[in-house]
N, C-alpha and C. Protein backbone atom coordinates (compact mmCIF):
# COMPACT_ATOMS: atom_id res chain seq x y z
N MET A 1 97.76 97.17 100.52
CA MET A 1 96.88 97.82 99.25
C MET A 1 96.83 98.87 99.15
N ASP A 2 97.26 99.44 98.21
CA ASP A 2 97.18 101.31 98.21
C ASP A 2 95.80 101.91 98.39
N ASP A 3 94.87 101.60 97.56
CA ASP A 3 93.75 101.98 97.36
C ASP A 3 92.94 101.44 98.44
N LEU A 4 92.30 102.12 99.39
CA LEU A 4 91.49 101.37 100.50
C LEU A 4 90.46 101.34 99.89
N PHE A 5 89.64 101.81 98.82
CA PHE A 5 88.26 102.19 98.12
C PHE A 5 88.00 101.21 97.20
N ALA A 6 89.18 100.38 96.92
CA ALA A 6 88.97 99.27 95.96
C ALA A 6 88.80 98.33 97.10
N THR A 7 88.51 98.53 97.95
CA THR A 7 87.68 97.01 99.06
C THR A 7 87.02 97.71 100.01
N LEU A 8 86.43 98.94 99.56
CA LEU A 8 85.44 99.05 100.29
C LEU A 8 83.98 98.64 99.64
N GLU A 9 83.16 98.19 100.27
CA GLU A 9 81.58 97.66 99.54
C GLU A 9 80.84 98.82 99.77
N ILE A 10 80.49 99.62 99.06
CA ILE A 10 79.21 100.60 99.09
C ILE A 10 77.88 100.07 98.60
N VAL A 11 77.03 100.09 99.89
CA VAL A 11 75.53 99.80 99.46
C VAL A 11 74.38 100.79 99.84
N ARG A 12 73.73 101.21 98.88
CA ARG A 12 72.68 102.55 98.98
C ARG A 12 71.66 101.40 98.98
N ASN A 13 70.55 102.11 100.30
CA ASN A 13 69.02 101.09 100.15
C ASN A 13 68.26 102.06 100.78
N GLY A 14 67.83 103.23 99.78
CA GLY A 14 66.97 103.99 100.34
C GLY A 14 67.46 105.53 101.19
N GLU A 15 67.29 105.87 102.31
CA GLU A 15 67.85 106.44 102.80
C GLU A 15 69.29 105.95 103.73
N MET A 16 69.64 105.10 103.60
CA MET A 16 70.47 104.24 104.32
C MET A 16 72.04 103.70 103.05
N THR A 17 72.95 104.50 103.30
CA THR A 17 74.21 103.64 102.83
C THR A 17 75.23 102.78 103.86
N VAL A 18 75.32 102.02 103.37
CA VAL A 18 75.78 100.68 104.03
C VAL A 18 77.53 100.76 103.21
N VAL A 19 78.33 100.53 104.68
CA VAL A 19 79.49 100.76 104.31
C VAL A 19 80.06 99.68 104.63
N GLY A 20 80.91 98.65 103.80
CA GLY A 20 81.56 97.20 104.57
C GLY A 20 83.08 97.09 103.98
N PHE A 21 83.60 96.59 104.29
CA PHE A 21 85.26 96.64 104.10
C PHE A 21 85.60 95.27 103.65
N GLY A 22 84.86 94.55 102.50
CA GLY A 22 85.30 93.53 101.89
C GLY A 22 85.78 92.28 102.53
N GLY A 23 85.21 92.10 104.03
CA GLY A 23 85.85 90.78 104.53
C GLY A 23 87.40 91.12 105.30
N ARG A 24 87.80 92.11 105.32
CA ARG A 24 89.36 92.75 105.33
C ARG A 24 89.48 92.25 106.96
N GLU A 25 89.83 91.43 107.60
CA GLU A 25 90.19 91.17 109.34
C GLU A 25 90.73 92.50 109.91
N LEU A 26 91.82 92.92 109.10
CA LEU A 26 92.34 93.72 109.90
C LEU A 26 92.21 95.23 109.16
N LEU A 27 92.02 96.48 110.01
CA LEU A 27 92.17 97.25 109.19
C LEU A 27 92.55 98.58 109.64
N ASP A 28 93.90 97.98 109.87
CA ASP A 28 95.05 99.26 110.34
C ASP A 28 95.69 99.81 109.01
N GLN A 29 95.40 99.44 107.82
CA GLN A 29 95.95 100.55 106.68
C GLN A 29 95.15 101.42 106.19
N ILE A 30 94.07 101.87 106.57
CA ILE A 30 93.23 102.73 106.03
C ILE A 30 93.84 103.97 105.96
N ASN A 31 93.47 104.41 105.10
CA ASN A 31 94.05 106.17 104.77
C ASN A 31 92.84 106.64 105.33
N LEU A 32 92.82 107.06 106.81
CA LEU A 32 91.41 107.56 107.14
C LEU A 32 91.24 109.09 106.84
N ALA A 33 92.04 109.98 106.22
CA ALA A 33 91.79 111.27 105.52
C ALA A 33 90.57 110.85 104.53
N ALA A 34 91.54 110.38 103.63
CA ALA A 34 90.91 110.01 102.32
C ALA A 34 89.74 108.93 102.50
N CYS A 35 89.27 108.37 103.65
CA CYS A 35 87.83 107.31 104.10
C CYS A 35 86.89 108.39 104.26
N ARG A 36 87.33 109.42 105.35
CA ARG A 36 86.53 110.28 105.86
C ARG A 36 85.72 111.20 104.60
N ASP A 37 86.84 111.71 103.79
CA ASP A 37 86.37 112.39 102.68
C ASP A 37 85.41 111.44 101.60
N GLN A 38 85.72 110.20 101.50
CA GLN A 38 84.84 109.63 100.69
C GLN A 38 83.27 109.06 101.17
N ILE A 39 83.56 108.71 102.49
CA ILE A 39 82.19 108.64 102.92
C ILE A 39 81.28 109.62 103.20
N THR A 40 82.16 111.18 103.47
CA THR A 40 81.32 112.14 103.92
C THR A 40 80.29 112.44 102.50
N GLU A 41 81.42 112.40 101.35
CA GLU A 41 80.52 112.77 99.95
C GLU A 41 79.33 112.11 99.66
N LEU A 42 79.81 110.32 100.10
CA LEU A 42 78.65 109.66 99.74
C LEU A 42 77.15 110.10 100.25
N VAL A 43 77.74 109.99 101.43
CA VAL A 43 76.40 110.63 102.32
C VAL A 43 75.79 111.77 101.87
N LYS A 44 76.55 112.89 101.44
CA LYS A 44 75.99 114.34 100.93
C LYS A 44 75.27 113.79 99.53
N ARG A 45 75.91 113.02 99.04
CA ARG A 45 75.19 112.80 97.45
C ARG A 45 74.24 111.72 97.72
N ASN A 46 73.99 110.77 98.34
CA ASN A 46 72.99 110.04 98.54
C ASN A 46 72.38 110.34 99.18
N GLN A 47 72.60 111.81 99.86
CA GLN A 47 71.29 112.18 100.84
C GLN A 47 71.05 111.41 102.17
N SER A 48 72.13 110.67 102.80
CA SER A 48 71.61 109.41 103.47
C SER A 48 71.10 110.09 105.03
N LYS A 49 70.47 109.44 105.59
CA LYS A 49 69.71 110.37 107.11
C LYS A 49 70.65 108.88 107.67
N THR A 50 70.75 107.66 107.52
CA THR A 50 71.51 106.51 108.76
C THR A 50 72.91 106.14 107.53
N LEU A 51 73.76 105.92 108.43
CA LEU A 51 75.05 105.39 107.68
C LEU A 51 75.77 104.15 108.46
N ALA A 52 75.64 102.94 108.15
CA ALA A 52 75.83 101.72 108.73
C ALA A 52 77.11 101.17 108.13
N PHE A 53 78.13 100.82 109.12
CA PHE A 53 79.08 100.14 108.54
C PHE A 53 79.10 98.56 109.06
N ASP A 54 79.28 97.74 108.08
CA ASP A 54 79.09 96.38 108.29
C ASP A 54 80.31 95.83 108.37
N MET A 55 80.52 94.99 109.74
CA MET A 55 82.08 94.84 110.48
C MET A 55 82.04 93.38 109.77
N THR A 56 81.22 92.82 109.22
CA THR A 56 81.29 91.16 108.75
C THR A 56 82.80 90.90 108.60
N GLY A 57 83.46 90.54 109.28
CA GLY A 57 84.63 89.61 109.21
C GLY A 57 86.25 90.32 109.69
N VAL A 58 85.51 91.92 110.09
CA VAL A 58 86.40 92.49 110.96
C VAL A 58 86.79 91.74 112.05
N ARG A 59 88.16 91.73 112.45
CA ARG A 59 88.72 91.02 113.71
C ARG A 59 89.25 92.47 114.94
N LEU A 60 89.72 93.36 114.34
CA LEU A 60 90.17 94.72 115.05
C LEU A 60 90.02 95.95 114.25
N ILE A 61 89.46 97.07 115.19
CA ILE A 61 89.33 98.46 114.35
C ILE A 61 90.23 99.06 115.48
N PRO A 62 91.15 99.81 114.14
CA PRO A 62 92.04 100.48 114.61
C PRO A 62 91.36 102.32 115.70
N SER A 63 92.07 102.58 116.42
CA SER A 63 91.84 103.42 117.46
C SER A 63 91.42 104.82 116.33
N GLY A 64 92.20 105.27 115.19
CA GLY A 64 92.00 106.28 114.21
C GLY A 64 90.67 105.62 113.50
N LEU A 65 90.06 104.51 113.33
CA LEU A 65 88.84 104.30 112.80
C LEU A 65 87.51 105.13 113.57
N LEU A 66 87.78 104.59 114.75
CA LEU A 66 87.20 104.63 115.96
C LEU A 66 86.65 106.29 115.95
N GLY A 67 87.67 107.13 115.74
CA GLY A 67 87.94 108.68 115.85
C GLY A 67 87.14 108.92 114.84
N LEU A 68 87.26 108.32 113.55
CA LEU A 68 86.59 108.79 112.20
C LEU A 68 85.23 108.47 112.66
N LEU A 69 84.71 107.03 113.11
CA LEU A 69 83.35 107.12 112.93
C LEU A 69 82.38 107.96 113.83
N ALA A 70 83.22 108.58 115.44
CA ALA A 70 82.56 109.30 116.27
C ALA A 70 82.59 110.74 115.51
N SER A 71 83.45 111.00 114.50
CA SER A 71 83.53 112.52 113.66
C SER A 71 82.18 112.72 112.83
N LEU A 72 82.22 111.23 112.01
CA LEU A 72 81.11 111.32 111.00
C LEU A 72 79.58 111.62 111.68
N ARG A 73 79.39 111.19 112.81
CA ARG A 73 78.12 111.84 113.64
C ARG A 73 77.64 113.12 113.38
N GLU A 74 78.69 113.90 113.05
CA GLU A 74 77.99 115.26 112.49
C GLU A 74 77.28 115.18 110.80
N THR A 75 77.62 114.46 110.34
CA THR A 75 77.66 114.21 109.04
C THR A 75 76.06 113.78 108.52
N VAL A 76 75.81 112.59 109.29
CA VAL A 76 74.45 111.99 109.49
C VAL A 76 73.74 111.77 110.43
N GLY A 77 72.34 111.37 110.50
CA GLY A 77 71.75 111.26 111.47
C GLY A 77 72.28 110.37 112.63
N THR A 78 72.26 109.27 111.87
CA THR A 78 72.61 108.03 112.37
C THR A 78 73.47 107.10 112.07
N ILE A 79 74.11 106.69 112.74
CA ILE A 79 75.36 105.45 112.87
C ILE A 79 75.24 104.25 113.02
N GLN A 80 75.08 103.23 112.43
CA GLN A 80 75.08 101.97 113.00
C GLN A 80 76.29 101.07 112.55
N ILE A 81 76.46 100.36 113.54
CA ILE A 81 77.48 99.22 113.41
C ILE A 81 76.54 97.90 113.42
N LEU A 82 76.81 97.00 111.89
CA LEU A 82 76.43 95.73 111.77
C LEU A 82 77.19 94.62 111.73
N ASN A 83 76.83 93.46 112.49
CA ASN A 83 77.57 92.71 112.84
C ASN A 83 79.18 92.45 113.38
N PRO A 84 79.27 93.43 114.41
CA PRO A 84 80.68 93.59 115.27
C PRO A 84 81.15 92.28 115.70
N CYS A 85 82.19 91.82 115.53
CA CYS A 85 82.20 90.51 116.34
C CYS A 85 82.95 90.85 117.97
N GLU A 86 82.95 90.12 118.84
CA GLU A 86 83.08 90.50 120.32
C GLU A 86 84.54 91.25 120.50
N ASP A 87 85.45 91.46 119.87
CA ASP A 87 86.44 92.17 120.09
C ASP A 87 85.81 93.65 119.74
N VAL A 88 85.62 93.82 118.37
CA VAL A 88 84.90 95.45 118.03
C VAL A 88 83.93 95.89 118.71
N ARG A 89 83.11 94.70 119.26
CA ARG A 89 82.05 95.29 119.98
C ARG A 89 82.61 95.79 121.67
N GLU A 90 83.53 95.08 121.97
CA GLU A 90 84.31 95.44 123.19
C GLU A 90 84.81 96.69 123.06
N ALA A 91 85.35 97.02 122.01
CA ALA A 91 86.30 98.14 121.49
C ALA A 91 85.15 99.62 121.70
N LEU A 92 84.22 98.93 121.32
CA LEU A 92 83.00 100.25 121.34
C LEU A 92 82.36 100.21 122.56
N GLU A 93 82.56 99.28 123.09
CA GLU A 93 82.46 99.62 124.68
C GLU A 93 83.45 100.32 125.61
N VAL A 94 84.22 100.02 125.48
CA VAL A 94 85.43 100.29 126.08
C VAL A 94 85.46 102.10 125.89
N THR A 95 85.30 102.30 124.55
CA THR A 95 85.48 103.74 124.33
C THR A 95 83.68 104.44 124.61
N LYS A 96 83.10 103.91 124.88
CA LYS A 96 81.69 104.57 125.38
C LYS A 96 80.89 104.89 123.79
N LEU A 97 81.53 104.27 122.46
CA LEU A 97 80.62 104.64 121.05
C LEU A 97 79.34 103.84 121.00
N ASN A 98 79.22 102.70 121.44
CA ASN A 98 78.34 101.89 121.66
C ASN A 98 77.00 102.83 122.26
N GLN A 99 77.23 103.98 123.05
CA GLN A 99 76.41 104.59 123.33
C GLN A 99 75.71 105.66 122.49
N ILE A 100 76.29 105.89 121.83
CA ILE A 100 76.01 107.10 120.30
C ILE A 100 76.12 106.41 119.14
N PHE A 101 76.21 105.11 118.52
CA PHE A 101 75.85 104.42 117.67
C PHE A 101 75.16 103.52 118.37
N GLU A 102 74.41 103.07 117.01
CA GLU A 102 73.48 101.84 116.99
C GLU A 102 73.99 100.54 116.83
N VAL A 103 74.29 99.73 117.46
CA VAL A 103 75.37 98.27 117.22
C VAL A 103 74.20 97.29 117.31
N SER A 104 74.48 96.70 116.17
CA SER A 104 73.35 95.41 116.12
C SER A 104 74.37 93.82 115.70
N PRO A 105 73.84 92.99 116.23
CA PRO A 105 74.31 92.10 116.63
C PRO A 105 74.81 91.27 115.01
């Protein structure tokens, strides 16, 4: 898929913006620069105070996406990781990102 944003699912719920990955298991072909720009624009436009990433179905998360998530902390007050599988949860623990994000089961 050339266009990542055709597969992103964006939901706005009050001051929260939720980004889903369309049930994709692998997120290894993400255009990180475009993804960061688009998500930053969404947060600003929606005046989001919380940015949540729904990891339903995602089995592996690339290191570049972990870096992207960490860099978004400067854009929004709170970042939540929703529904991570055990492998994604472990990656967040190893990188200590679970200490700066809210990780929900």
